[in-house]
Amino acid sequence: MSLMPYFFGGRRNNVFDPFSLDVFDPFDAFRSISESRPGSLSSETSALANTRIDWKETPEAHVFKADLPGLKKEEVKVEVEEGRVLQISGERSREKEEKNDTWHRVERSSGRFMRRFRLPEGAKVDQVKAAMENGVLTVTVPKVEVKKPEVKAIDISG
């Protein structure tokens, strides 16, 4: 049973359950109204905001993984600009609407997306590799091998 009135979020939720994924969002009603208008800016912004990208650093490289379900590799661009800025961009096209279709809910994002990351010193930007498999884009940026300084033991006289 929800303690929050049903008309606020348009759905029932439990605000006191810390593990609940269905958390009250006061802007939910506003978002659904603005996204329902074709060509609205918020639908393009939501596509940008919903592009999830992980960045991990290994001893050999920086690895970026982006969830891009439903996109083909031809619809995605990976670029390195201004020296050390990695840019991942693309576009999700909107589904064609037929006159006799009745839409009950539109949750999948459409529009352009772009994410930019400033790469640290030592990234080999001329050797960037990208691969896409099962809707996951993997971008690998190798790192310059850092040589460990040699340590020379000195005998102490005396």
Protein backbone atom coordinates (compact mmCIF):
# COMPACT_ATOMS: atom_id res chain seq x y z
CA MET A 1 0.00 0.00 0.00
CA SER A 2 1.45 3.34 -0.97
CA LEU A 3 1.64 6.27 1.39
CA MET A 4 1.97 8.66 -1.55
CA PRO A 5 -1.30 9.56 -3.28
CA TYR A 6 -1.78 7.70 -6.57
CA PHE A 7 -2.46 10.84 -8.62
CA PHE A 8 1.04 12.30 -8.00
CA GLY A 9 3.10 9.82 -10.00
CA GLY A 10 0.38 8.05 -11.94
CA ARG A 11 1.51 4.79 -10.36
CA ARG A 12 1.78 3.18 -6.95
CA ASN A 13 5.16 3.08 -5.25
CA ASN A 14 6.78 2.58 -1.88
CA VAL A 15 8.90 5.60 -0.95
CA PHE A 16 10.14 3.94 2.25
CA ASP A 17 11.60 0.86 0.54
CA PRO A 18 15.28 1.69 -0.21
CA PHE A 19 15.46 -1.12 -2.78
CA SER A 20 12.35 -0.08 -4.69
CA LEU A 21 13.09 0.86 -8.28
CA ASP A 22 9.70 2.49 -8.65
CA VAL A 23 10.49 5.73 -6.80
CA PHE A 24 8.17 8.74 -6.83
CA ASP A 25 9.25 11.30 -9.41
CA PRO A 26 7.42 14.65 -9.20
CA PHE A 27 8.44 15.52 -12.77
CA ASP A 28 7.16 12.26 -14.29
CA ALA A 29 3.83 13.71 -15.41
CA PHE A 30 5.53 16.76 -16.93
CA ARG A 31 8.06 14.57 -18.76
CA SER A 32 5.40 12.34 -20.32
CA ILE A 33 3.46 15.39 -21.59
CA SER A 34 6.52 17.09 -23.11
CA GLU A 35 7.91 13.89 -24.66
CA SER A 36 4.61 13.07 -26.33
CA ARG A 37 4.91 16.11 -28.60
CA PRO A 38 6.68 15.17 -31.84
CA GLY A 39 9.96 16.97 -32.41
CA SER A 40 10.16 18.19 -28.84
CA LEU A 41 13.59 19.01 -27.48
CA SER A 42 13.09 16.86 -24.40
CA SER A 43 12.85 13.67 -26.45
CA GLU A 44 16.26 14.40 -27.95
CA THR A 45 17.61 15.27 -24.52
CA SER A 46 16.26 12.04 -23.08
CA ALA A 47 18.09 10.04 -25.76
CA LEU A 48 21.28 11.82 -24.73
CA ALA A 49 20.68 11.23 -21.05
CA ASN A 50 19.77 7.56 -21.50
CA THR A 51 23.01 6.61 -23.24
CA ARG A 52 24.80 4.66 -20.51
CA ILE A 53 28.58 4.46 -20.81
CA ASP A 54 31.06 2.74 -18.49
CA TRP A 55 34.73 3.80 -18.43
CA LYS A 56 37.32 1.57 -16.85
CA GLU A 57 41.08 1.81 -16.80
CA THR A 58 43.26 -1.26 -17.06
CA PRO A 59 47.08 -1.28 -16.91
CA GLU A 60 47.13 -1.38 -20.74
CA ALA A 61 44.18 0.80 -21.83
CA HIS A 62 41.08 2.87 -21.15
CA VAL A 63 37.97 0.88 -22.08
CA PHE A 64 34.57 2.48 -22.74
CA LYS A 65 31.40 0.36 -23.03
CA ALA A 66 28.15 1.93 -24.25
CA ASP A 67 24.73 0.31 -24.25
CA LEU A 68 23.20 1.14 -27.63
CA PRO A 69 20.36 -1.37 -28.09
CA GLY A 70 18.74 -1.47 -31.50
CA LEU A 71 21.46 0.56 -33.23
CA LYS A 72 23.63 -0.61 -36.10
CA LYS A 73 27.31 0.25 -36.22
CA GLU A 74 26.60 2.51 -39.21
CA GLU A 75 24.40 4.70 -36.98
CA VAL A 76 27.19 5.33 -34.43
CA LYS A 77 30.28 7.57 -34.74
CA VAL A 78 33.42 7.38 -32.61
CA GLU A 79 35.81 10.31 -33.01
CA VAL A 80 38.83 11.78 -31.26
CA GLU A 81 38.88 15.55 -31.52
CA GLU A 82 40.93 18.43 -30.16
CA GLY A 83 43.78 16.12 -29.33
CA ARG A 84 42.38 14.09 -26.44
CA VAL A 85 38.56 14.33 -26.50
CA LEU A 86 36.76 11.07 -27.27
CA GLN A 87 33.29 11.65 -28.73
CA ILE A 88 30.66 8.93 -29.13
CA SER A 89 27.56 10.02 -31.03
CA GLY A 90 24.72 8.71 -33.13
CA GLU A 91 21.02 8.86 -33.78
CA ARG A 92 18.06 6.67 -32.96
CA SER A 93 15.33 7.15 -35.54
CA ARG A 94 11.69 7.40 -34.55
CA GLU A 95 9.37 4.58 -35.56
CA LYS A 96 6.98 5.33 -38.43
CA GLU A 97 3.45 6.08 -37.28
CA GLU A 98 0.50 4.72 -39.18
CA LYS A 99 -2.82 6.61 -39.09
CA ASN A 100 -4.71 3.69 -37.59
CA ASP A 101 -2.06 2.99 -34.88
CA THR A 102 -2.93 3.70 -31.27
CA TRP A 103 0.07 4.31 -29.03
CA HIS A 104 -0.47 3.50 -25.36
CA ARG A 105 3.03 4.26 -24.12
CA VAL A 106 6.27 5.55 -25.65
CA GLU A 107 9.32 4.86 -23.49
CA ARG A 108 12.08 4.05 -25.97
CA SER A 109 14.23 7.07 -26.72
CA SER A 110 14.69 8.46 -30.18
CA GLY A 111 16.82 11.34 -31.39
CA ARG A 112 20.48 12.23 -31.34
CA PHE A 113 22.89 11.39 -28.57
CA MET A 114 26.45 12.45 -27.87
CA ARG A 115 28.86 11.81 -25.01
CA ARG A 116 32.33 13.33 -24.71
CA PHE A 117 35.25 12.26 -22.52
CA ARG A 118 38.57 14.05 -22.01
CA LEU A 119 41.24 11.39 -22.19
CA PRO A 120 44.15 11.62 -19.73
CA GLU A 121 47.78 12.23 -20.66
CA GLY A 122 49.40 9.10 -21.98
CA ALA A 123 46.43 7.91 -24.06
CA LYS A 124 47.45 6.72 -27.52
CA VAL A 125 44.73 8.55 -29.46
CA ASP A 126 46.13 7.39 -32.81
CA GLN A 127 45.48 3.72 -31.89
CA VAL A 128 41.82 3.86 -30.77
CA LYS A 129 39.79 0.77 -31.67
CA ALA A 130 36.00 0.38 -31.62
CA ALA A 131 33.82 -2.72 -31.95
CA MET A 132 30.07 -3.27 -31.68
CA GLU A 133 28.47 -6.55 -30.68
CA ASN A 134 24.89 -7.27 -29.53
CA GLY A 135 24.09 -3.57 -29.02
CA VAL A 136 27.19 -2.88 -26.91
CA LEU A 137 29.86 -0.55 -28.28
CA THR A 138 33.37 -1.14 -26.90
CA VAL A 139 36.00 1.56 -27.47
CA THR A 140 39.57 0.75 -26.43
CA VAL A 141 42.15 3.52 -26.06
CA PRO A 142 45.66 2.07 -25.42
CA LYS A 143 47.92 3.77 -22.89
CA VAL A 144 51.56 4.75 -23.29
CA GLU A 145 53.70 2.22 -21.51
CA VAL A 146 55.19 3.82 -18.43
CA LYS A 147 58.69 2.59 -17.73
CA LYS A 148 59.45 2.01 -14.09
CA PRO A 149 62.56 3.81 -12.96
CA GLU A 150 65.48 1.54 -12.29
CA VAL A 151 66.46 1.29 -8.68
CA LYS A 152 70.14 0.87 -8.05
CA ALA A 153 71.28 -0.20 -4.63
CA ILE A 154 74.13 1.86 -3.20
CA ASP A 155 76.57 0.32 -0.77
CA ILE A 156 77.05 2.28 2.40
CA SER A 157 80.63 2.59 3.50
CA GLY A 158 81.78 3.19 6.94
